[in-house]
Amino acid sequence: MNDFTEFQKRAGVEFKDQNLLTQAFVHRSYINENKNSGLSHNERLEFLGDAVLELVITDFLYQKYPTKTEGDLTAYRSSLVNAVTCSDIATKLGMNEYLLLSKGESKDNGRARQYILANTLEAFIGAVYLDQGYDISKSFIEREFTPLIEGIISAGSWIDAKSLFQEKAQEFDGITPSYKTVKESGPDHEKKFTVGVYVGKELVAQGEGDSKQDAEQSAAREALKSRGWN
């Protein structure tokens, strides 16, 4: 079984119940292959950690930006509490080397692994909450997540580009934009998508991403630039 001594130093949290910490790293696929391990998968901890994370970030944003609207605060929170940000933080903390996965999942380092890491981080937060209480959970989340918000705001990456482009296209052209997948490439576990955004029959811009949703957002951002609406 994993020795979490180094990880706990990195995370700045020392667990009283090491079994709870281990459970945060157990993926359902590992249990399917190791039915007699005596371990439980991390999905209940993930459910709890997701709620703790959202509450801490909501409270932080509410206090930090007293003049921002509900819509802006919701967008800021979405840009902090998403699979990309969570998996990036999990990777920085070295969570990948502690995951307990099936042999098949262990070989997949594409988008599926990104989601597993994001979910594991939420499960870890749930485990911290149960083992250490709310204040320690809050300290961990604020240390890892909140320093990212200024960069997100200055880069404009919190903006929902699709919604903004639709709003502008309806205002100036009277047309709702449409999106079409132009190309798919790569193996199933690491697909890349190219999507075009159209106003009427006009192709305004294209974008790429690891999912159709990401590619659509990328296309919308390019379209906003192309039209000078950003």
Protein backbone atom coordinates (compact mmCIF):
# COMPACT_ATOMS: atom_id res chain seq x y z
CA MET A 1 0.00 0.00 0.00
CA ASN A 2 1.13 3.56 -0.63
CA ASP A 3 3.18 5.47 1.91
CA PHE A 4 1.68 8.97 2.00
CA THR A 5 4.34 10.60 4.19
CA GLU A 6 5.81 12.71 1.39
CA PHE A 7 2.42 13.56 -0.06
CA GLN A 8 1.11 14.81 3.29
CA LYS A 9 4.12 17.14 3.57
CA ARG A 10 3.41 18.46 0.08
CA ALA A 11 -0.28 18.97 0.83
CA GLY A 12 0.39 20.48 4.25
CA VAL A 13 -2.08 18.12 5.96
CA GLU A 14 -1.22 15.28 8.35
CA PHE A 15 -4.01 12.72 8.68
CA LYS A 16 -5.07 11.06 11.91
CA ASP A 17 -6.82 8.29 9.94
CA GLN A 18 -4.48 7.03 7.21
CA ASN A 19 -7.17 4.64 5.92
CA LEU A 20 -9.36 7.62 5.09
CA LEU A 21 -6.47 9.21 3.17
CA THR A 22 -5.89 5.97 1.24
CA GLN A 23 -9.59 5.74 0.35
CA ALA A 24 -9.42 9.16 -1.34
CA PHE A 25 -7.08 7.66 -3.95
CA VAL A 26 -9.04 4.46 -4.68
CA HIS A 27 -10.76 4.51 -8.07
CA ARG A 28 -13.78 2.27 -8.64
CA SER A 29 -11.86 0.31 -11.31
CA TYR A 30 -9.29 -0.79 -8.69
CA ILE A 31 -12.03 -2.29 -6.50
CA ASN A 32 -13.43 -4.17 -9.52
CA GLU A 33 -10.05 -5.89 -9.99
CA ASN A 34 -9.23 -6.24 -6.27
CA LYS A 35 -12.48 -7.30 -4.64
CA ASN A 36 -10.73 -8.74 -1.58
CA SER A 37 -8.58 -5.66 -0.90
CA GLY A 38 -10.78 -4.52 1.96
CA LEU A 39 -10.77 -1.00 0.47
CA SER A 40 -13.66 1.23 -0.58
CA HIS A 41 -13.65 3.50 -3.65
CA ASN A 42 -13.56 7.29 -3.31
CA GLU A 43 -16.90 8.34 -4.84
CA ARG A 44 -18.68 9.20 -1.57
CA LEU A 45 -15.66 11.25 -0.46
CA GLU A 46 -15.69 13.00 -3.85
CA PHE A 47 -19.37 13.90 -3.37
CA LEU A 48 -18.57 15.45 0.01
CA GLY A 49 -15.38 17.19 -1.12
CA ASP A 50 -17.13 18.76 -4.11
CA ALA A 51 -19.61 20.45 -1.74
CA VAL A 52 -16.88 21.63 0.66
CA LEU A 53 -14.81 23.02 -2.22
CA GLU A 54 -17.78 24.89 -3.69
CA LEU A 55 -18.73 26.40 -0.31
CA VAL A 56 -15.18 27.61 0.45
CA ILE A 57 -14.71 29.14 -3.01
CA THR A 58 -18.18 30.73 -2.96
CA ASP A 59 -17.50 32.30 0.44
CA PHE A 60 -14.05 33.51 -0.68
CA LEU A 61 -15.39 35.15 -3.86
CA TYR A 62 -18.37 36.70 -2.05
CA GLN A 63 -16.04 38.37 0.47
CA LYS A 64 -13.32 39.35 -2.02
CA TYR A 65 -15.56 40.92 -4.69
CA PRO A 66 -18.37 42.79 -2.85
CA THR A 67 -19.47 44.75 -5.93
CA LYS A 68 -19.59 41.86 -8.43
CA THR A 69 -22.93 40.49 -9.66
CA GLU A 70 -24.18 36.95 -9.03
CA GLY A 71 -23.46 36.16 -12.69
CA ASP A 72 -19.81 37.27 -12.46
CA LEU A 73 -19.26 35.42 -9.18
CA THR A 74 -20.77 32.25 -10.66
CA ALA A 75 -18.47 32.51 -13.69
CA TYR A 76 -15.43 33.10 -11.46
CA ARG A 77 -16.35 30.06 -9.37
CA SER A 78 -16.84 27.87 -12.45
CA SER A 79 -13.38 28.83 -13.69
CA LEU A 80 -11.84 27.80 -10.36
CA VAL A 81 -13.91 24.72 -9.56
CA ASN A 82 -13.67 22.70 -12.77
CA ALA A 83 -11.94 19.53 -13.96
CA VAL A 84 -9.04 21.36 -15.61
CA THR A 85 -8.13 23.45 -12.55
CA CYS A 86 -8.64 20.53 -10.15
CA SER A 87 -6.54 18.13 -12.23
CA ASP A 88 -3.78 20.76 -12.57
CA ILE A 89 -3.65 21.17 -8.79
CA ALA A 90 -3.75 17.39 -8.29
CA THR A 91 -0.84 17.02 -10.72
CA LYS A 92 1.15 19.74 -8.96
CA LEU A 93 0.67 17.91 -5.66
CA GLY A 94 1.87 14.64 -7.24
CA MET A 95 -1.41 12.79 -6.77
CA ASN A 96 -0.93 10.81 -9.96
CA GLU A 97 1.77 8.60 -8.41
CA TYR A 98 -0.55 7.54 -5.56
CA LEU A 99 -3.67 6.61 -7.56
CA LEU A 100 -5.03 3.10 -7.10
CA LEU A 101 -6.41 2.14 -10.51
CA SER A 102 -7.17 -0.96 -12.57
CA LYS A 103 -4.47 -2.12 -14.98
CA GLY A 104 -6.49 -0.71 -17.88
CA GLU A 105 -7.00 2.70 -16.31
CA SER A 106 -3.32 2.85 -15.34
CA LYS A 107 -2.33 2.83 -19.02
CA ASP A 108 -4.61 5.74 -19.98
CA ASN A 109 -2.92 9.12 -19.56
CA GLY A 110 -5.35 11.14 -21.68
CA ARG A 111 -8.50 13.07 -20.84
CA ALA A 112 -9.87 10.22 -18.71
CA ARG A 113 -6.89 10.55 -16.36
CA GLN A 114 -7.52 14.28 -16.08
CA TYR A 115 -11.03 13.59 -14.77
CA ILE A 116 -9.78 10.88 -12.40
CA LEU A 117 -7.25 13.32 -10.94
CA ALA A 118 -9.88 16.05 -10.57
CA ASN A 119 -12.23 13.64 -8.81
CA THR A 120 -9.40 12.40 -6.58
CA LEU A 121 -8.62 15.95 -5.48
CA GLU A 122 -12.28 16.44 -4.51
CA ALA A 123 -12.22 13.09 -2.66
CA PHE A 124 -9.07 14.23 -0.84
CA ILE A 125 -10.82 17.45 0.21
CA GLY A 126 -13.71 15.33 1.52
CA ALA A 127 -11.25 13.18 3.45
CA VAL A 128 -9.54 16.28 4.92
CA TYR A 129 -12.93 17.60 6.02
CA LEU A 130 -13.81 14.34 7.80
CA ASP A 131 -10.37 13.89 9.35
CA GLN A 132 -9.41 17.48 10.19
CA GLY A 133 -12.60 19.55 10.08
CA TYR A 134 -13.79 22.55 8.09
CA ASP A 135 -11.07 25.06 9.01
CA ILE A 136 -8.18 22.85 7.83
CA SER A 137 -10.13 22.01 4.65
CA LYS A 138 -10.67 25.72 4.06
CA SER A 139 -6.98 26.49 4.59
CA PHE A 140 -5.96 23.82 2.08
CA ILE A 141 -8.45 25.02 -0.55
CA GLU A 142 -7.55 28.70 -0.13
CA ARG A 143 -3.85 27.88 -0.34
CA GLU A 144 -4.20 25.84 -3.54
CA PHE A 145 -7.09 27.50 -5.40
CA THR A 146 -7.52 31.16 -4.55
CA PRO A 147 -4.10 32.42 -5.78
CA LEU A 148 -5.27 31.45 -9.30
CA ILE A 149 -8.24 33.83 -9.45
CA GLU A 150 -6.34 37.04 -10.34
CA GLY A 151 -4.70 35.35 -13.34
CA ILE A 152 -8.03 33.91 -14.46
CA ILE A 153 -9.70 37.33 -14.32
CA SER A 154 -6.86 39.17 -16.07
CA ALA A 155 -6.74 36.52 -18.83
CA GLY A 156 -10.51 36.68 -19.27
CA SER A 157 -10.70 32.89 -19.12
CA TRP A 158 -13.69 33.09 -16.74
CA ILE A 159 -15.88 34.45 -19.53
CA ASP A 160 -18.28 32.00 -21.18
CA ALA A 161 -17.26 32.80 -24.74
CA LYS A 162 -20.17 30.88 -26.31
CA SER A 163 -22.77 32.83 -24.36
CA LEU A 164 -21.08 36.16 -25.12
CA PHE A 165 -20.73 35.42 -28.85
CA GLN A 166 -24.37 34.33 -29.05
CA GLU A 167 -25.46 37.53 -27.30
CA LYS A 168 -23.40 39.69 -29.69
CA ALA A 169 -24.43 37.78 -32.83
CA GLN A 170 -28.09 38.14 -31.94
CA GLU A 171 -27.59 41.84 -31.17
CA PHE A 172 -25.67 42.75 -34.35
CA ASP A 173 -26.73 40.08 -36.88
CA GLY A 174 -30.08 38.93 -35.52
CA ILE A 175 -28.88 35.31 -35.84
CA THR A 176 -28.09 32.61 -33.28
CA PRO A 177 -24.66 31.06 -34.04
CA SER A 178 -24.32 27.35 -34.75
CA TYR A 179 -21.39 24.97 -34.20
CA LYS A 180 -20.21 22.12 -36.38
CA THR A 181 -17.44 19.59 -35.80
CA VAL A 182 -14.99 20.00 -38.69
CA LYS A 183 -12.45 17.34 -37.72
CA GLU A 184 -11.69 14.64 -35.14
CA SER A 185 -8.20 13.20 -34.72
CA GLY A 186 -6.23 10.99 -32.35
CA PRO A 187 -7.06 7.73 -30.55
CA ASP A 188 -10.33 7.36 -28.61
CA HIS A 189 -8.76 8.14 -25.23
CA GLU A 190 -6.92 11.22 -26.53
CA LYS A 191 -9.16 12.71 -29.20
CA LYS A 192 -8.74 16.25 -30.51
CA PHE A 193 -11.71 18.12 -31.97
CA THR A 194 -11.84 21.02 -34.41
CA VAL A 195 -15.13 22.92 -34.39
CA GLY A 196 -16.34 25.74 -36.62
CA VAL A 197 -18.74 28.47 -35.47
CA TYR A 198 -21.16 29.80 -38.09
CA VAL A 199 -23.38 32.86 -38.27
CA GLY A 200 -25.89 31.84 -40.89
CA LYS A 201 -23.80 30.17 -43.59
CA GLU A 202 -20.65 32.18 -42.80
CA LEU A 203 -17.83 30.33 -41.04
CA VAL A 204 -16.60 32.97 -38.59
CA ALA A 205 -13.84 31.02 -36.80
CA GLN A 206 -12.55 27.61 -35.78
CA GLY A 207 -11.27 26.28 -32.47
CA GLU A 208 -9.59 23.14 -31.16
CA GLY A 209 -9.97 21.24 -27.90
CA ASP A 210 -9.84 17.89 -26.12
CA SER A 211 -13.65 17.77 -26.15
CA LYS A 212 -16.34 19.24 -28.39
CA GLN A 213 -17.30 21.64 -25.59
CA ASP A 214 -13.72 22.91 -25.23
CA ALA A 215 -13.40 23.27 -29.00
CA GLU A 216 -16.68 25.23 -29.15
CA GLN A 217 -15.47 27.62 -26.44
CA SER A 218 -12.18 28.04 -28.33
CA ALA A 219 -14.05 28.72 -31.60
CA ALA A 220 -16.28 31.27 -29.85
CA ARG A 221 -13.22 33.07 -28.40
CA GLU A 222 -11.66 33.24 -31.87
CA ALA A 223 -14.96 34.47 -33.32
CA LEU A 224 -15.17 37.25 -30.71
CA LYS A 225 -11.66 38.36 -31.71
CA SER A 226 -12.49 38.12 -35.42
CA ARG A 227 -15.56 40.32 -35.03
CA GLY A 228 -13.87 42.71 -32.61
CA TRP A 229 -16.42 41.92 -29.91
CA ASN A 230 -14.01 40.84 -27.18
